[in-house]
Amino acid sequence: MWEEVDYLKKLPYGLYLCSQWWGCVRRAKIREVGHKCEKCGFKHEIEVHHKTYERLGDERLSDLEVLCARCHNDEHVELLKVKIGQPSEREILRSIMITEDDYKKRFLSSMEGVMS
C-alpha cells in the first residue's frame, strides 16, 4: 500500500489526475456531497478541488471540495490573489462596508448644512 502511495506522490499532477486511484477518490467525494457544488449547489460541470496537497495520493475526503467549474475557478483566483499579496474579494468588501450607526452619523452630518 505505502509503495503505491509513494508512487502516486511522485507522479506529475496531471498524470496523477488520470490515475485509477484519483478516479475512485473523486467519485467517492462527489457521492458524499450529493453530486452538487458545495458552494452554490449547482449540479453540472462538477469538479473536485484539493484544499491541500499534503496527502496527495492518500487523500482524505476532508482534503477535497466538490465545486462547479465556476466556483472552482473562483477558488483558484482567490488563492492566486493571496499568493501574490492582493486582497481577496472578502477583504475588499469588509474594508468598504460601514455599520448602520456609521451610516446614520454620516447621513446626519451631511444633512446639517441642509437643515440650517
Protein backbone atom coordinates (compact mmCIF):
# COMPACT_ATOMS: atom_id res chain seq x y z
CA MET A 1 0.00 0.00 0.00
CA TRP A 2 2.68 2.54 1.02
CA GLU A 3 4.64 1.73 -2.12
CA GLU A 4 1.58 2.67 -4.17
CA VAL A 5 1.16 5.92 -2.22
CA ASP A 6 4.84 6.79 -2.78
CA TYR A 7 4.42 6.03 -6.49
CA LEU A 8 1.31 8.24 -6.74
CA LYS A 9 3.03 11.09 -4.86
CA LYS A 10 5.90 11.05 -7.36
CA LEU A 11 3.63 11.31 -10.41
CA PRO A 12 3.31 14.70 -12.12
CA TYR A 13 -0.01 16.20 -11.04
CA GLY A 14 -1.60 15.87 -14.49
CA LEU A 15 -0.80 12.16 -14.61
CA TYR A 16 -1.99 11.69 -11.04
CA LEU A 17 -5.38 13.09 -12.05
CA CYS A 18 -5.58 10.35 -14.72
CA SER A 19 -4.89 7.56 -12.22
CA GLN A 20 -7.49 4.98 -11.18
CA TRP A 21 -6.88 5.92 -7.55
CA TRP A 22 -7.83 9.56 -8.16
CA GLY A 23 -10.91 8.47 -10.12
CA CYS A 24 -12.10 6.39 -7.13
CA VAL A 25 -11.41 9.14 -4.59
CA ARG A 26 -13.07 11.74 -6.82
CA ARG A 27 -16.23 9.66 -7.25
CA ALA A 28 -16.39 8.94 -3.50
CA LYS A 29 -16.23 12.68 -2.67
CA ILE A 30 -18.87 13.59 -5.25
CA ARG A 31 -21.14 10.85 -3.88
CA GLU A 32 -20.53 12.01 -0.30
CA VAL A 33 -21.82 15.53 -1.00
CA GLY A 34 -24.76 14.53 -3.20
CA HIS A 35 -23.39 15.27 -6.68
CA LYS A 36 -23.51 19.07 -6.34
CA CYS A 37 -21.26 22.08 -5.81
CA GLU A 38 -20.59 22.58 -2.11
CA LYS A 39 -20.61 26.37 -2.53
CA CYS A 40 -23.57 27.12 -4.79
CA GLY A 41 -25.43 23.80 -5.17
CA PHE A 42 -25.09 23.66 -8.98
CA LYS A 43 -25.30 20.06 -10.23
CA HIS A 44 -23.46 20.36 -13.56
CA GLU A 45 -19.82 20.76 -14.57
CA ILE A 46 -18.75 19.27 -11.22
CA GLU A 47 -15.05 19.19 -10.33
CA VAL A 48 -13.15 18.12 -7.23
CA HIS A 49 -10.77 20.67 -5.70
CA HIS A 50 -7.82 19.80 -3.47
CA LYS A 51 -7.94 22.05 -0.39
CA THR A 52 -4.48 20.70 0.46
CA TYR A 53 -1.85 18.72 -1.39
CA GLU A 54 -0.23 17.38 1.80
CA ARG A 55 -1.64 13.87 1.37
CA LEU A 56 -1.73 13.72 -2.44
CA GLY A 57 -2.06 10.06 -3.34
CA ASP A 58 -3.52 9.28 0.08
CA GLU A 59 -6.17 11.99 0.35
CA ARG A 60 -8.83 12.12 3.00
CA LEU A 61 -12.24 13.12 1.69
CA SER A 62 -12.00 16.14 4.01
CA ASP A 63 -8.97 17.28 1.94
CA LEU A 64 -11.30 17.73 -1.03
CA GLU A 65 -14.17 20.01 -2.00
CA VAL A 66 -16.71 19.44 -4.79
CA LEU A 67 -17.20 22.61 -6.83
CA CYS A 68 -18.84 23.53 -10.11
CA ALA A 69 -16.45 24.86 -12.77
CA ARG A 70 -17.29 28.48 -11.94
CA CYS A 71 -16.77 28.13 -8.17
CA HIS A 72 -13.61 26.10 -8.78
CA ASN A 73 -12.23 28.87 -10.97
CA ASP A 74 -13.20 31.50 -8.36
CA GLU A 75 -11.41 29.46 -5.68
CA HIS A 76 -8.19 29.41 -7.69
CA VAL A 77 -8.45 33.15 -8.43
CA GLU A 78 -8.79 33.85 -4.68
CA LEU A 79 -5.85 31.54 -3.91
CA LEU A 80 -3.76 33.34 -6.53
CA LYS A 81 -4.61 36.73 -5.02
CA VAL A 82 -3.50 35.52 -1.60
CA LYS A 83 -0.31 34.10 -3.11
CA ILE A 84 0.65 37.40 -4.78
CA GLY A 85 -0.47 39.53 -1.85
CA GLN A 86 -3.61 41.08 -3.32
CA PRO A 87 -6.63 41.44 -1.04
CA SER A 88 -9.36 38.89 -1.53
CA GLU A 89 -12.88 39.90 -2.53
CA ARG A 90 -14.00 39.26 1.04
CA GLU A 91 -11.31 41.61 2.42
CA ILE A 92 -12.25 44.34 -0.05
CA LEU A 93 -15.94 44.09 0.89
CA ARG A 94 -15.10 44.21 4.59
CA SER A 95 -13.00 47.33 4.08
CA ILE A 96 -15.79 49.27 2.33
CA MET A 97 -18.71 48.12 4.47
CA ILE A 98 -19.98 50.50 7.10
CA THR A 99 -22.18 49.80 10.06
CA GLU A 100 -25.71 51.15 10.36
CA ASP A 101 -24.53 53.56 13.08
CA ASP A 102 -21.77 54.90 10.83
CA TYR A 103 -24.30 55.38 8.05
CA LYS A 104 -26.66 57.32 10.36
CA LYS A 105 -23.80 59.56 11.56
CA ARG A 106 -22.69 60.27 8.00
CA PHE A 107 -26.25 60.96 6.89
CA LEU A 108 -26.96 63.28 9.82
CA SER A 109 -23.70 65.18 9.34
CA SER A 110 -24.42 65.60 5.61
CA MET A 111 -27.87 66.98 6.48
CA GLU A 112 -26.52 69.63 8.90
CA GLY A 113 -25.97 72.20 6.16
CA VAL A 114 -29.32 71.48 4.53
CA MET A 115 -31.33 71.66 7.74
CA SER A 116 -29.89 75.00 8.95
